[in-house]
Amino acid sequence: MRNVYWIGGGSGAGKSTIARRLADRHGWRLYATDDAMADHAHRTTAEEAPLLHAFMAMDADERWVDRSPETMLETFHWFRGEAFGLIVEDLARLPRDVPVVVEGFRLLPRLVRPLLTEPGHAVWLLPTPEFRRAVFARRAAHGGMFTRRTGDPERAVRNLAARDALFTERLDAETTRLGLPALTVDGAMTEDELAERVGGVFRLRHGGGPGPRTGSGPLSR
C-alpha cells in the first residue's frame, strides 16, 4: 500500500472534493469508498456483516427516525468496519505504478493505521458541528437529503446530525490516540487552502509528486 493515500473523516468535511482535486492535480487514481458501498454490500453475507444486513432490512424510518443517535452510531455497519477488507481487496487489484487517493468516512483510523508505511500517507478531516450543519442545510435546499423519504424528515436530519457529531468526536479521539494527522474543517479555509493543507500532510510538491521526506509527527489540529 505504499502508493495509497487515505483521506477519511466525518460527513460533510470535503473529503470527496479534496480527493478529486489532488487526483486531478497529480494524475492519481481516485477511489471513492461511497461508490463501492452497493457492490460491497452484495459481496458480503449476513454472517460476515451482520450489522450491514440488518440495516438493509430496515425501512427509512427504522434507520433514521425511530432510533437514538447513540444507537445509530453503535450499530452503523460502516462505522464498525464491516466490509473494510473489501476496500483493501479492491486496492490490491489496482496497478501499483500510479498513486491512488482513497476517500470516505469508512476509513477508520484503527483499520488504516496497520496499512501505512508512514503516518503522512493518511489524514482525517474533522468538521465542526457548525460547518456540518451548513453543509446539510445546503444539501437539503437542493433536495439531496435521503431523509426526505422518511415519515419525519426534520427528526431524521436531527438524528443524523447528532450521530455524525458523535462519529467525528470518535475520529478525533482515535486519531489522537494513534498519533495520526487530522485537520479541523470549520469553513475558515477555502477549498484550495484545505487541499494545500492535505497536500502538506502528504508531503507533496505543488503540481508534482511526493517531495523529500521531512520530520514526521502528528499534525496540529
N, C-alpha and C. Protein backbone atom coordinates (compact mmCIF):
# COMPACT_ATOMS: atom_id res chain seq x y z
N MET A 1 0.82 -1.22 0.00
CA MET A 1 0.00 0.00 0.00
C MET A 1 0.86 1.27 0.00
N ARG A 2 2.11 1.18 -0.44
CA ARG A 2 2.97 2.36 -0.46
C ARG A 2 2.47 3.44 -1.42
N ASN A 3 1.69 3.04 -2.43
CA ASN A 3 1.20 4.00 -3.42
C ASN A 3 -0.16 4.56 -3.05
N VAL A 4 -0.68 4.26 -1.85
CA VAL A 4 -2.04 4.66 -1.46
C VAL A 4 -1.97 5.82 -0.46
N TYR A 5 -2.82 6.81 -0.71
CA TYR A 5 -3.01 7.95 0.20
C TYR A 5 -4.47 7.93 0.65
N TRP A 6 -4.69 8.13 1.95
CA TRP A 6 -6.02 7.95 2.54
C TRP A 6 -6.55 9.28 3.08
N ILE A 7 -7.81 9.60 2.74
CA ILE A 7 -8.48 10.77 3.30
C ILE A 7 -9.79 10.32 3.93
N GLY A 8 -9.80 10.24 5.26
CA GLY A 8 -11.01 9.87 5.98
C GLY A 8 -11.60 11.08 6.66
N GLY A 9 -12.65 10.86 7.45
CA GLY A 9 -13.22 11.96 8.20
C GLY A 9 -14.73 11.90 8.30
N GLY A 10 -15.28 12.91 8.96
CA GLY A 10 -16.71 12.98 9.17
C GLY A 10 -17.48 13.41 7.93
N SER A 11 -18.78 13.22 7.96
CA SER A 11 -19.63 13.59 6.83
C SER A 11 -19.62 15.10 6.63
N GLY A 12 -19.58 15.50 5.35
CA GLY A 12 -19.63 16.91 5.02
C GLY A 12 -18.33 17.67 5.20
N ALA A 13 -17.22 16.96 5.39
CA ALA A 13 -15.95 17.63 5.65
C ALA A 13 -15.21 18.03 4.38
N GLY A 14 -15.67 17.58 3.21
CA GLY A 14 -14.99 17.92 1.97
C GLY A 14 -14.03 16.87 1.47
N LYS A 15 -14.16 15.63 1.96
CA LYS A 15 -13.24 14.55 1.56
C LYS A 15 -13.25 14.33 0.05
N SER A 16 -14.44 14.23 -0.52
CA SER A 16 -14.55 13.95 -1.96
C SER A 16 -13.95 15.08 -2.78
N THR A 17 -14.25 16.31 -2.41
CA THR A 17 -13.75 17.46 -3.15
C THR A 17 -12.22 17.51 -3.13
N ILE A 18 -11.65 17.34 -1.96
CA ILE A 18 -10.20 17.42 -1.83
C ILE A 18 -9.52 16.26 -2.55
N ALA A 19 -10.09 15.06 -2.44
CA ALA A 19 -9.51 13.90 -3.12
C ALA A 19 -9.53 14.09 -4.63
N ARG A 20 -10.65 14.61 -5.17
CA ARG A 20 -10.72 14.85 -6.62
C ARG A 20 -9.68 15.88 -7.05
N ARG A 21 -9.52 16.92 -6.26
CA ARG A 21 -8.54 17.96 -6.62
C ARG A 21 -7.12 17.39 -6.65
N LEU A 22 -6.78 16.58 -5.66
CA LEU A 22 -5.44 16.00 -5.64
C LEU A 22 -5.25 15.02 -6.78
N ALA A 23 -6.27 14.21 -7.05
CA ALA A 23 -6.17 13.26 -8.15
C ALA A 23 -5.99 13.97 -9.49
N ASP A 24 -6.76 15.03 -9.71
CA ASP A 24 -6.65 15.79 -10.96
C ASP A 24 -5.31 16.49 -11.07
N ARG A 25 -4.86 17.07 -9.96
CA ARG A 25 -3.62 17.85 -9.98
C ARG A 25 -2.40 16.99 -10.21
N HIS A 26 -2.38 15.78 -9.62
CA HIS A 26 -1.18 14.95 -9.67
C HIS A 26 -1.28 13.75 -10.59
N GLY A 27 -2.42 13.59 -11.27
CA GLY A 27 -2.58 12.46 -12.17
C GLY A 27 -2.74 11.14 -11.45
N TRP A 28 -3.33 11.19 -10.25
CA TRP A 28 -3.54 9.99 -9.46
C TRP A 28 -4.87 9.32 -9.82
N ARG A 29 -4.99 8.09 -9.41
CA ARG A 29 -6.26 7.40 -9.49
C ARG A 29 -7.09 7.75 -8.25
N LEU A 30 -8.40 7.86 -8.41
CA LEU A 30 -9.30 8.17 -7.30
C LEU A 30 -10.16 6.96 -6.98
N TYR A 31 -10.22 6.60 -5.71
CA TYR A 31 -11.10 5.51 -5.25
C TYR A 31 -12.00 6.10 -4.17
N ALA A 32 -13.29 6.26 -4.51
CA ALA A 32 -14.27 6.78 -3.56
C ALA A 32 -15.00 5.61 -2.91
N THR A 33 -14.84 5.47 -1.61
CA THR A 33 -15.43 4.31 -0.94
C THR A 33 -16.96 4.34 -0.97
N ASP A 34 -17.55 5.54 -1.03
CA ASP A 34 -19.01 5.62 -1.14
C ASP A 34 -19.50 4.92 -2.40
N ASP A 35 -18.76 5.08 -3.50
CA ASP A 35 -19.17 4.48 -4.77
C ASP A 35 -19.13 2.96 -4.73
N ALA A 36 -18.35 2.40 -3.81
CA ALA A 36 -18.22 0.95 -3.73
C ALA A 36 -19.18 0.31 -2.73
N MET A 37 -19.97 1.11 -2.02
CA MET A 37 -20.79 0.56 -0.95
C MET A 37 -21.79 -0.47 -1.44
N ALA A 38 -22.51 -0.17 -2.53
CA ALA A 38 -23.51 -1.12 -3.03
C ALA A 38 -22.85 -2.43 -3.45
N ASP A 39 -21.74 -2.34 -4.15
CA ASP A 39 -21.02 -3.55 -4.57
C ASP A 39 -20.54 -4.34 -3.36
N HIS A 40 -20.01 -3.66 -2.36
CA HIS A 40 -19.54 -4.35 -1.17
C HIS A 40 -20.67 -5.01 -0.39
N ALA A 41 -21.82 -4.35 -0.37
CA ALA A 41 -22.98 -4.96 0.31
C ALA A 41 -23.37 -6.27 -0.36
N HIS A 42 -23.31 -6.30 -1.69
CA HIS A 42 -23.67 -7.52 -2.42
C HIS A 42 -22.61 -8.61 -2.27
N ARG A 43 -21.39 -8.22 -1.93
CA ARG A 43 -20.29 -9.18 -1.82
C ARG A 43 -20.16 -9.76 -0.41
N THR A 44 -21.04 -9.38 0.49
CA THR A 44 -20.97 -9.90 1.86
C THR A 44 -22.17 -10.78 2.16
N THR A 45 -22.03 -11.59 3.16
CA THR A 45 -23.14 -12.39 3.68
C THR A 45 -23.55 -11.84 5.04
N ALA A 46 -24.71 -12.29 5.50
CA ALA A 46 -25.19 -11.85 6.82
C ALA A 46 -24.25 -12.31 7.93
N GLU A 47 -23.57 -13.41 7.72
CA GLU A 47 -22.62 -13.89 8.72
C GLU A 47 -21.37 -13.02 8.76
N GLU A 48 -20.94 -12.55 7.59
CA GLU A 48 -19.74 -11.72 7.52
C GLU A 48 -20.00 -10.29 7.97
N ALA A 49 -21.19 -9.78 7.69
CA ALA A 49 -21.51 -8.38 8.00
C ALA A 49 -22.93 -8.31 8.57
N PRO A 50 -23.12 -8.75 9.82
CA PRO A 50 -24.48 -8.80 10.37
C PRO A 50 -25.14 -7.43 10.52
N LEU A 51 -24.38 -6.40 10.90
CA LEU A 51 -24.97 -5.07 11.05
C LEU A 51 -25.41 -4.50 9.70
N LEU A 52 -24.60 -4.72 8.69
CA LEU A 52 -24.94 -4.26 7.34
C LEU A 52 -26.25 -4.89 6.87
N HIS A 53 -26.38 -6.18 7.03
CA HIS A 53 -27.57 -6.86 6.52
C HIS A 53 -28.80 -6.53 7.37
N ALA A 54 -28.61 -6.27 8.65
CA ALA A 54 -29.73 -5.82 9.47
C ALA A 54 -30.18 -4.43 9.02
N PHE A 55 -29.25 -3.56 8.68
CA PHE A 55 -29.56 -2.22 8.19
C PHE A 55 -30.32 -2.30 6.87
N MET A 56 -29.88 -3.17 5.99
CA MET A 56 -30.51 -3.31 4.69
C MET A 56 -31.97 -3.77 4.82
N ALA A 57 -32.27 -4.48 5.89
CA ALA A 57 -33.63 -4.99 6.09
C ALA A 57 -34.57 -3.94 6.68
N MET A 58 -34.04 -2.81 7.15
CA MET A 58 -34.86 -1.77 7.77
C MET A 58 -35.50 -0.86 6.72
N ASP A 59 -36.63 -0.25 7.07
CA ASP A 59 -37.17 0.81 6.23
C ASP A 59 -36.56 2.14 6.66
N ALA A 60 -36.90 3.21 5.96
CA ALA A 60 -36.26 4.50 6.19
C ALA A 60 -36.50 5.01 7.61
N ASP A 61 -37.71 4.85 8.14
CA ASP A 61 -38.00 5.33 9.49
C ASP A 61 -37.23 4.53 10.53
N GLU A 62 -37.12 3.23 10.31
CA GLU A 62 -36.36 2.41 11.26
C GLU A 62 -34.89 2.83 11.26
N ARG A 63 -34.38 3.23 10.13
CA ARG A 63 -32.98 3.64 10.05
C ARG A 63 -32.71 5.00 10.70
N TRP A 64 -33.58 5.98 10.40
CA TRP A 64 -33.22 7.37 10.69
C TRP A 64 -34.14 8.08 11.67
N VAL A 65 -35.33 7.54 11.97
CA VAL A 65 -36.28 8.24 12.83
C VAL A 65 -36.47 7.55 14.17
N ASP A 66 -36.62 6.25 14.17
CA ASP A 66 -37.06 5.52 15.37
C ASP A 66 -35.96 5.22 16.37
N ARG A 67 -34.70 5.36 15.98
CA ARG A 67 -33.60 5.00 16.87
C ARG A 67 -32.87 6.26 17.35
N SER A 68 -32.24 6.15 18.51
CA SER A 68 -31.48 7.28 19.04
C SER A 68 -30.18 7.44 18.25
N PRO A 69 -29.60 8.65 18.24
CA PRO A 69 -28.31 8.84 17.57
C PRO A 69 -27.22 7.92 18.12
N GLU A 70 -27.26 7.66 19.42
CA GLU A 70 -26.26 6.77 20.03
C GLU A 70 -26.38 5.36 19.48
N THR A 71 -27.62 4.87 19.37
CA THR A 71 -27.83 3.53 18.81
C THR A 71 -27.45 3.50 17.34
N MET A 72 -27.80 4.56 16.62
CA MET A 72 -27.43 4.64 15.21
C MET A 72 -25.91 4.58 15.05
N LEU A 73 -25.19 5.25 15.92
CA LEU A 73 -23.72 5.23 15.85
C LEU A 73 -23.17 3.84 16.10
N GLU A 74 -23.63 3.21 17.16
CA GLU A 74 -23.04 1.93 17.58
C GLU A 74 -23.40 0.78 16.64
N THR A 75 -24.51 0.92 15.90
CA THR A 75 -24.95 -0.19 15.05
C THR A 75 -24.75 0.08 13.57
N PHE A 76 -24.16 1.24 13.20
CA PHE A 76 -23.98 1.52 11.79
C PHE A 76 -22.78 0.73 11.28
N HIS A 77 -23.03 -0.14 10.34
CA HIS A 77 -22.06 -1.13 9.87
C HIS A 77 -20.74 -0.52 9.40
N TRP A 78 -20.82 0.57 8.61
CA TRP A 78 -19.57 1.15 8.10
C TRP A 78 -18.74 1.76 9.23
N PHE A 79 -19.41 2.29 10.27
CA PHE A 79 -18.68 2.84 11.41
C PHE A 79 -18.04 1.74 12.25
N ARG A 80 -18.49 0.51 12.10
CA ARG A 80 -17.93 -0.62 12.84
C ARG A 80 -16.87 -1.36 12.03
N GLY A 81 -16.64 -0.91 10.79
CA GLY A 81 -15.58 -1.50 9.99
C GLY A 81 -16.00 -2.69 9.16
N GLU A 82 -17.31 -2.99 9.10
CA GLU A 82 -17.74 -4.12 8.29
C GLU A 82 -17.42 -3.85 6.82
N ALA A 83 -16.92 -4.88 6.14
CA ALA A 83 -16.56 -4.85 4.71
C ALA A 83 -15.36 -3.96 4.41
N PHE A 84 -14.64 -3.50 5.42
CA PHE A 84 -13.43 -2.73 5.14
C PHE A 84 -12.42 -3.57 4.37
N GLY A 85 -12.39 -4.86 4.64
CA GLY A 85 -11.48 -5.74 3.92
C GLY A 85 -11.71 -5.73 2.43
N LEU A 86 -12.93 -5.45 1.99
CA LEU A 86 -13.21 -5.40 0.56
C LEU A 86 -12.60 -4.15 -0.08
N ILE A 87 -12.49 -3.06 0.69
CA ILE A 87 -11.77 -1.88 0.20
C ILE A 87 -10.32 -2.26 -0.07
N VAL A 88 -9.72 -2.96 0.87
CA VAL A 88 -8.32 -3.38 0.73
C VAL A 88 -8.16 -4.31 -0.46
N GLU A 89 -9.10 -5.24 -0.65
CA GLU A 89 -9.06 -6.14 -1.80
C GLU A 89 -9.11 -5.37 -3.11
N ASP A 90 -10.01 -4.39 -3.18
CA ASP A 90 -10.11 -3.58 -4.40
C ASP A 90 -8.82 -2.85 -4.69
N LEU A 91 -8.22 -2.26 -3.66
CA LEU A 91 -6.98 -1.51 -3.85
C LEU A 91 -5.84 -2.42 -4.27
N ALA A 92 -5.82 -3.62 -3.73
CA ALA A 92 -4.75 -4.56 -4.07
C ALA A 92 -4.79 -4.98 -5.54
N ARG A 93 -5.96 -4.86 -6.17
CA ARG A 93 -6.09 -5.24 -7.58
C ARG A 93 -5.65 -4.12 -8.53
N LEU A 94 -5.50 -2.90 -8.02
CA LEU A 94 -5.14 -1.78 -8.88
C LEU A 94 -3.65 -1.80 -9.22
N PRO A 95 -3.27 -1.30 -10.39
CA PRO A 95 -1.85 -1.19 -10.73
C PRO A 95 -1.13 -0.35 -9.69
N ARG A 96 0.09 -0.71 -9.38
CA ARG A 96 0.82 -0.03 -8.32
C ARG A 96 1.78 1.02 -8.83
N ASP A 97 1.80 1.24 -10.14
CA ASP A 97 2.71 2.24 -10.68
C ASP A 97 2.12 3.64 -10.65
N VAL A 98 0.83 3.77 -10.30
CA VAL A 98 0.18 5.07 -10.19
C VAL A 98 -0.37 5.22 -8.77
N PRO A 99 -0.06 6.31 -8.08
CA PRO A 99 -0.64 6.51 -6.75
C PRO A 99 -2.16 6.57 -6.81
N VAL A 100 -2.80 6.18 -5.73
CA VAL A 100 -4.25 6.23 -5.63
C VAL A 100 -4.63 6.95 -4.35
N VAL A 101 -5.58 7.87 -4.44
CA VAL A 101 -6.09 8.54 -3.26
C VAL A 101 -7.45 7.95 -2.95
N VAL A 102 -7.60 7.47 -1.72
CA VAL A 102 -8.82 6.81 -1.26
C VAL A 102 -9.53 7.77 -0.31
N GLU A 103 -10.84 7.93 -0.48
CA GLU A 103 -11.55 8.84 0.41
C GLU A 103 -12.87 8.24 0.86
N GLY A 104 -13.28 8.65 2.08
CA GLY A 104 -14.58 8.22 2.59
C GLY A 104 -14.59 8.09 4.09
N PHE A 105 -15.79 8.15 4.66
CA PHE A 105 -15.91 8.04 6.11
C PHE A 105 -15.66 6.63 6.59
N ARG A 106 -15.65 5.65 5.68
CA ARG A 106 -15.40 4.25 6.05
C ARG A 106 -13.96 3.99 6.45
N LEU A 107 -13.08 4.96 6.24
CA LEU A 107 -11.66 4.78 6.53
C LEU A 107 -11.41 5.07 8.00
N LEU A 108 -11.63 4.07 8.83
CA LEU A 108 -11.47 4.24 10.27
C LEU A 108 -9.98 4.22 10.62
N PRO A 109 -9.52 5.13 11.47
CA PRO A 109 -8.09 5.21 11.78
C PRO A 109 -7.49 3.88 12.24
N ARG A 110 -8.19 3.17 13.10
CA ARG A 110 -7.63 1.92 13.63
C ARG A 110 -7.46 0.85 12.55
N LEU A 111 -8.24 0.93 11.47
CA LEU A 111 -8.13 -0.03 10.39
C LEU A 111 -7.10 0.40 9.35
N VAL A 112 -6.96 1.70 9.14
CA VAL A 112 -6.00 2.20 8.17
C VAL A 112 -4.57 2.15 8.72
N ARG A 113 -4.42 2.41 10.02
CA ARG A 113 -3.07 2.53 10.61
C ARG A 113 -2.16 1.34 10.30
N PRO A 114 -2.60 0.09 10.38
CA PRO A 114 -1.69 -1.02 10.09
C PRO A 114 -1.25 -1.09 8.63
N LEU A 115 -1.94 -0.38 7.74
CA LEU A 115 -1.62 -0.42 6.32
C LEU A 115 -0.65 0.68 5.90
N LEU A 116 -0.33 1.60 6.82
CA LEU A 116 0.50 2.75 6.48
C LEU A 116 1.99 2.42 6.57
N THR A 117 2.73 2.84 5.55
CA THR A 117 4.18 2.76 5.64
C THR A 117 4.74 3.94 6.43
N GLU A 118 3.96 5.05 6.49
CA GLU A 118 4.31 6.19 7.33
C GLU A 118 3.02 6.96 7.61
N PRO A 119 2.92 7.64 8.77
CA PRO A 119 1.68 8.35 9.12
C PRO A 119 1.26 9.39 8.11
N GLY A 120 2.22 10.00 7.38
CA GLY A 120 1.92 11.05 6.43
C GLY A 120 1.25 10.61 5.15
N HIS A 121 0.82 9.35 5.06
CA HIS A 121 0.05 8.89 3.91
C HIS A 121 -1.44 8.87 4.21
N ALA A 122 -1.85 9.44 5.33
CA ALA A 122 -3.27 9.46 5.68
C ALA A 122 -3.58 10.73 6.45
N VAL A 123 -4.81 11.20 6.30
CA VAL A 123 -5.28 12.35 7.07
C VAL A 123 -6.78 12.22 7.24
N TRP A 124 -7.26 12.73 8.36
CA TRP A 124 -8.71 12.72 8.64
C TRP A 124 -9.19 14.16 8.76
N LEU A 125 -10.28 14.46 8.07
CA LEU A 125 -10.89 15.79 8.10
C LEU A 125 -12.05 15.77 9.09
N LEU A 126 -11.99 16.66 10.07
CA LEU A 126 -12.95 16.67 11.17
C LEU A 126 -13.78 17.95 11.12
N PRO A 127 -15.01 17.87 10.60
CA PRO A 127 -15.84 19.08 10.51
C PRO A 127 -16.38 19.49 11.86
N THR A 128 -16.43 20.79 12.09
CA THR A 128 -17.08 21.29 13.30
C THR A 128 -18.60 21.13 13.14
N PRO A 129 -19.34 21.09 14.25
CA PRO A 129 -20.81 20.97 14.14
C PRO A 129 -21.43 22.08 13.29
N GLU A 130 -20.93 23.31 13.43
CA GLU A 130 -21.48 24.43 12.66
C GLU A 130 -21.23 24.24 11.17
N PHE A 131 -20.05 23.79 10.81
CA PHE A 131 -19.73 23.57 9.41
C PHE A 131 -20.59 22.46 8.83
N ARG A 132 -20.75 21.37 9.60
CA ARG A 132 -21.54 20.24 9.11
C ARG A 132 -23.01 20.64 8.94
N ARG A 133 -23.54 21.44 9.87
CA ARG A 133 -24.93 21.88 9.75
C ARG A 133 -25.12 22.72 8.48
N ALA A 134 -24.15 23.57 8.19
CA ALA A 134 -24.25 24.40 6.98
C ALA A 134 -24.24 23.53 5.72
N VAL A 135 -23.41 22.50 5.72
CA VAL A 135 -23.36 21.59 4.57
C VAL A 135 -24.69 20.86 4.41
N PHE A 136 -25.24 20.35 5.51
CA PHE A 136 -26.51 19.63 5.46
C PHE A 136 -27.62 20.55 4.98
N ALA A 137 -27.59 21.81 5.42
CA ALA A 137 -28.63 22.76 5.01
C ALA A 137 -28.57 22.99 3.50
N ARG A 138 -27.36 23.09 2.96
CA ARG A 138 -27.22 23.27 1.51
C ARG A 138 -27.72 22.05 0.76
N ARG A 139 -27.40 20.86 1.26
CA ARG A 139 -27.85 19.65 0.60
C ARG A 139 -29.37 19.54 0.64
N ALA A 140 -29.95 19.87 1.77
CA ALA A 140 -31.41 19.80 1.90
C ALA A 140 -32.08 20.80 0.97
N ALA A 141 -31.50 21.99 0.83
CA ALA A 141 -32.07 23.01 -0.03
C ALA A 141 -32.09 22.58 -1.49
N HIS A 142 -31.15 21.72 -1.86
CA HIS A 142 -31.08 21.23 -3.23
C HIS A 142 -31.73 19.86 -3.39
N GLY A 143 -32.48 19.43 -2.37
CA GLY A 143 -33.20 18.16 -2.47
C GLY A 143 -32.32 16.93 -2.41
N GLY A 144 -31.11 17.06 -1.87
CA GLY A 144 -30.19 15.94 -1.90
C GLY A 144 -30.16 15.09 -0.64
N MET A 145 -31.04 15.34 0.32
CA MET A 145 -31.02 14.59 1.56
C MET A 145 -31.97 13.39 1.47
N PHE A 146 -31.43 12.20 1.69
CA PHE A 146 -32.26 10.98 1.64
C PHE A 146 -33.28 10.93 2.77
N THR A 147 -33.10 11.79 3.79
CA THR A 147 -34.05 11.82 4.90
C THR A 147 -35.44 12.27 4.47
N ARG A 148 -35.56 12.86 3.27
CA ARG A 148 -36.87 13.25 2.76
C ARG A 148 -37.79 12.04 2.58
N ARG A 149 -37.21 10.86 2.49
CA ARG A 149 -38.01 9.66 2.27
C ARG A 149 -38.58 9.09 3.57
N THR A 150 -38.32 9.73 4.70
CA THR A 150 -38.82 9.26 5.99
C THR A 150 -40.16 9.91 6.31
N GLY A 151 -40.82 9.39 7.35
CA GLY A 151 -42.08 9.97 7.78
C GLY A 151 -41.92 11.25 8.58
N ASP A 152 -40.70 11.53 9.04
CA ASP A 152 -40.43 12.73 9.83
C ASP A 152 -39.04 13.25 9.43
N PRO A 153 -38.93 13.93 8.29
CA PRO A 153 -37.62 14.37 7.80
C PRO A 153 -36.85 15.25 8.77
N GLU A 154 -37.54 16.13 9.50
CA GLU A 154 -36.82 17.02 10.42
C GLU A 154 -36.16 16.23 11.54
N ARG A 155 -36.89 15.27 12.11
CA ARG A 155 -36.30 14.46 13.17
C ARG A 155 -35.18 13.60 12.61
N ALA A 156 -35.35 13.08 11.41
CA ALA A 156 -34.31 12.25 10.80
C ALA A 156 -33.03 13.06 10.61
N VAL A 157 -33.16 14.31 10.18
CA VAL A 157 -31.98 15.16 10.00
C VAL A 157 -31.31 15.43 11.34
N ARG A 158 -32.10 15.70 12.38
CA ARG A 158 -31.51 15.92 13.71
C ARG A 158 -30.77 14.68 14.19
N ASN A 159 -31.39 13.52 14.02
CA ASN A 159 -30.75 12.28 14.45
C ASN A 159 -29.44 12.05 13.69
N LEU A 160 -29.50 12.27 12.38
CA LEU A 160 -28.32 12.06 11.55
C LEU A 160 -27.20 13.02 11.94
N ALA A 161 -27.55 14.29 12.17
CA ALA A 161 -26.54 15.27 12.55
C ALA A 161 -25.91 14.92 13.90
N ALA A 162 -26.73 14.48 14.86
CA ALA A 162 -26.20 14.10 16.17
C ALA A 162 -25.32 12.87 16.07
N ARG A 163 -25.76 11.89 15.26
CA ARG A 163 -24.93 10.69 15.08
C ARG A 163 -23.59 11.04 14.47
N ASP A 164 -23.59 11.88 13.43
CA ASP A 164 -22.35 12.24 12.77
C ASP A 164 -21.44 13.06 13.67
N ALA A 165 -22.03 13.87 14.55
CA ALA A 165 -21.21 14.62 15.51
C ALA A 165 -20.50 13.65 16.46
N LEU A 166 -21.21 12.65 16.92
CA LEU A 166 -20.61 11.63 17.79
C LEU A 166 -19.50 10.88 17.06
N PHE A 167 -19.74 10.58 15.78
CA PHE A 167 -18.73 9.86 14.99
C PHE A 167 -17.48 10.71 14.83
N THR A 168 -17.65 12.01 14.57
CA THR A 168 -16.50 12.89 14.42
C THR A 168 -15.71 12.98 15.71
N GLU A 169 -16.40 13.04 16.85
CA GLU A 169 -15.71 13.04 18.14
C GLU A 169 -14.90 11.76 18.31
N ARG A 170 -15.45 10.66 17.87
CA ARG A 170 -14.73 9.39 17.98
C ARG A 170 -13.50 9.39 17.08
N LEU A 171 -13.63 9.92 15.88
CA LEU A 171 -12.47 10.01 14.99
C LEU A 171 -11.38 10.89 15.58
N ASP A 172 -11.79 12.00 16.19
CA ASP A 172 -10.83 12.91 16.82
C ASP A 172 -10.04 12.17 17.90
N ALA A 173 -10.75 11.44 18.75
CA ALA A 173 -10.09 10.71 19.84
C ALA A 173 -9.18 9.61 19.30
N GLU A 174 -9.64 8.93 18.26
CA GLU A 174 -8.87 7.80 17.75
C GLU A 174 -7.62 8.25 17.01
N THR A 175 -7.72 9.32 16.21
CA THR A 175 -6.52 9.81 15.55
C THR A 175 -5.51 10.34 16.56
N THR A 176 -6.00 10.97 17.62
CA THR A 176 -5.10 11.45 18.67
C THR A 176 -4.39 10.28 19.34
N ARG A 177 -5.15 9.26 19.69
CA ARG A 177 -4.57 8.10 20.37
C ARG A 177 -3.53 7.39 19.51
N LEU A 178 -3.77 7.33 18.20
CA LEU A 178 -2.87 6.61 17.30
C LEU A 178 -1.78 7.49 16.70
N GLY A 179 -1.80 8.79 17.03
CA GLY A 179 -0.78 9.70 16.51
C GLY A 179 -0.89 9.93 15.01
N LEU A 180 -2.12 9.97 14.49
CA LEU A 180 -2.34 10.15 13.06
C LEU A 180 -2.79 11.58 12.76
N PRO A 181 -2.45 12.11 11.58
CA PRO A 181 -2.78 13.50 11.26
C PRO A 181 -4.28 13.73 11.11
N ALA A 182 -4.74 14.87 11.56
CA ALA A 182 -6.14 15.27 11.40
C ALA A 182 -6.19 16.78 11.23
N LEU A 183 -7.19 17.25 10.49
CA LEU A 183 -7.39 18.67 10.26
C LEU A 183 -8.82 19.03 10.63
N THR A 184 -8.99 20.08 11.39
CA THR A 184 -10.32 20.59 11.70
C THR A 184 -10.82 21.43 10.53
N VAL A 185 -12.05 21.14 10.09
CA VAL A 185 -12.66 21.86 8.98
C VAL A 185 -13.79 22.70 9.54
N ASP A 186 -13.60 24.04 9.51
CA ASP A 186 -14.60 24.93 10.11
C ASP A 186 -15.05 26.03 9.18
N GLY A 187 -14.63 25.96 7.91
CA GLY A 187 -15.01 26.98 6.95
C GLY A 187 -14.06 28.15 6.89
N ALA A 188 -13.06 28.19 7.77
CA ALA A 188 -12.10 29.31 7.75
C ALA A 188 -11.17 29.22 6.55
N MET A 189 -10.95 28.00 6.03
CA MET A 189 -10.09 27.81 4.87
C MET A 189 -10.94 27.64 3.63
N THR A 190 -10.45 28.12 2.49
CA THR A 190 -11.09 27.83 1.21
C THR A 190 -10.78 26.39 0.82
N GLU A 191 -11.47 25.89 -0.19
CA GLU A 191 -11.19 24.54 -0.66
C GLU A 191 -9.75 24.43 -1.17
N ASP A 192 -9.27 25.47 -1.84
CA ASP A 192 -7.88 25.44 -2.30
C ASP A 192 -6.91 25.37 -1.13
N GLU A 193 -7.19 26.14 -0.09
CA GLU A 193 -6.30 26.13 1.08
C GLU A 193 -6.35 24.79 1.78
N LEU A 194 -7.52 24.20 1.87
CA LEU A 194 -7.62 22.89 2.51
C LEU A 194 -6.89 21.84 1.69
N ALA A 195 -7.00 21.91 0.36
CA ALA A 195 -6.27 20.98 -0.49
C ALA A 195 -4.76 21.13 -0.28
N GLU A 196 -4.30 22.37 -0.11
CA GLU A 196 -2.87 22.59 0.15
C GLU A 196 -2.47 22.01 1.49
N ARG A 197 -3.32 22.15 2.50
CA ARG A 197 -3.00 21.58 3.82
C ARG A 197 -2.91 20.07 3.75
N VAL A 198 -3.85 19.46 3.05
CA VAL A 198 -3.81 18.00 2.90
C VAL A 198 -2.57 17.58 2.11
N GLY A 199 -2.26 18.33 1.04
CA GLY A 199 -1.04 18.05 0.29
C GLY A 199 0.20 18.19 1.15
N GLY A 200 0.16 19.12 2.11
CA GLY A 200 1.28 19.26 3.03
C GLY A 200 1.44 18.05 3.93
N VAL A 201 0.32 17.49 4.39
CA VAL A 201 0.39 16.27 5.19
C VAL A 201 1.02 15.14 4.37
N PHE A 202 0.64 15.09 3.07
CA PHE A 202 1.16 14.04 2.19
C PHE A 202 2.57 14.34 1.68
N ARG A 203 3.10 15.53 2.04
CA ARG A 203 4.44 15.96 1.60
C ARG A 203 4.53 16.01 0.07
N LEU A 204 3.55 16.65 -0.54
CA LEU A 204 3.52 16.77 -1.98
C LEU A 204 4.08 18.12 -2.41
N ARG A 205 4.80 18.12 -3.50
CA ARG A 205 5.21 19.37 -4.12
C ARG A 205 4.04 19.88 -4.94
N HIS A 206 3.82 21.17 -4.97
CA HIS A 206 2.72 21.75 -5.74
C HIS A 206 2.92 21.41 -7.21
N GLY A 207 1.90 20.71 -7.78
CA GLY A 207 1.94 20.35 -9.19
C GLY A 207 2.79 19.14 -9.48
N GLY A 208 3.33 18.46 -8.43
CA GLY A 208 4.15 17.29 -8.67
C GLY A 208 3.82 16.19 -7.72
N GLY A 209 4.74 15.24 -7.60
CA GLY A 209 4.53 14.11 -6.72
C GLY A 209 5.05 14.38 -5.33
N PRO A 210 5.26 13.32 -4.56
CA PRO A 210 5.75 13.49 -3.20
C PRO A 210 7.11 14.18 -3.19
N GLY A 211 7.27 15.09 -2.25
CA GLY A 211 8.53 15.79 -2.10
C GLY A 211 9.46 15.01 -1.19
N PRO A 212 10.62 15.57 -0.87
CA PRO A 212 11.55 14.90 0.02
C PRO A 212 10.96 14.75 1.41
N ARG A 213 11.27 13.65 2.03
CA ARG A 213 10.71 13.39 3.36
C ARG A 213 11.34 14.31 4.39
N THR A 214 10.49 14.85 5.26
CA THR A 214 10.97 15.68 6.35
C THR A 214 10.56 15.03 7.65
N GLY A 215 10.70 15.76 8.75
CA GLY A 215 10.33 15.19 10.03
C GLY A 215 8.87 14.81 10.08
N SER A 216 8.54 13.75 10.81
CA SER A 216 7.18 13.29 10.90
C SER A 216 6.64 13.58 12.29
N GLY A 217 5.35 13.32 12.45
CA GLY A 217 4.72 13.53 13.75
C GLY A 217 3.31 14.00 13.55
N PRO A 218 2.48 13.91 14.57
CA PRO A 218 1.09 14.33 14.45
C PRO A 218 0.97 15.79 14.04
N LEU A 219 0.00 16.08 13.20
CA LEU A 219 -0.23 17.43 12.73
C LEU A 219 -1.03 18.18 13.78
N SER A 220 -0.72 19.44 13.96
CA SER A 220 -1.51 20.27 14.87
C SER A 220 -2.94 20.38 14.35
N ARG A 221 -3.87 20.35 15.28
CA ARG A 221 -5.27 20.35 14.89
C ARG A 221 -5.82 21.77 14.94
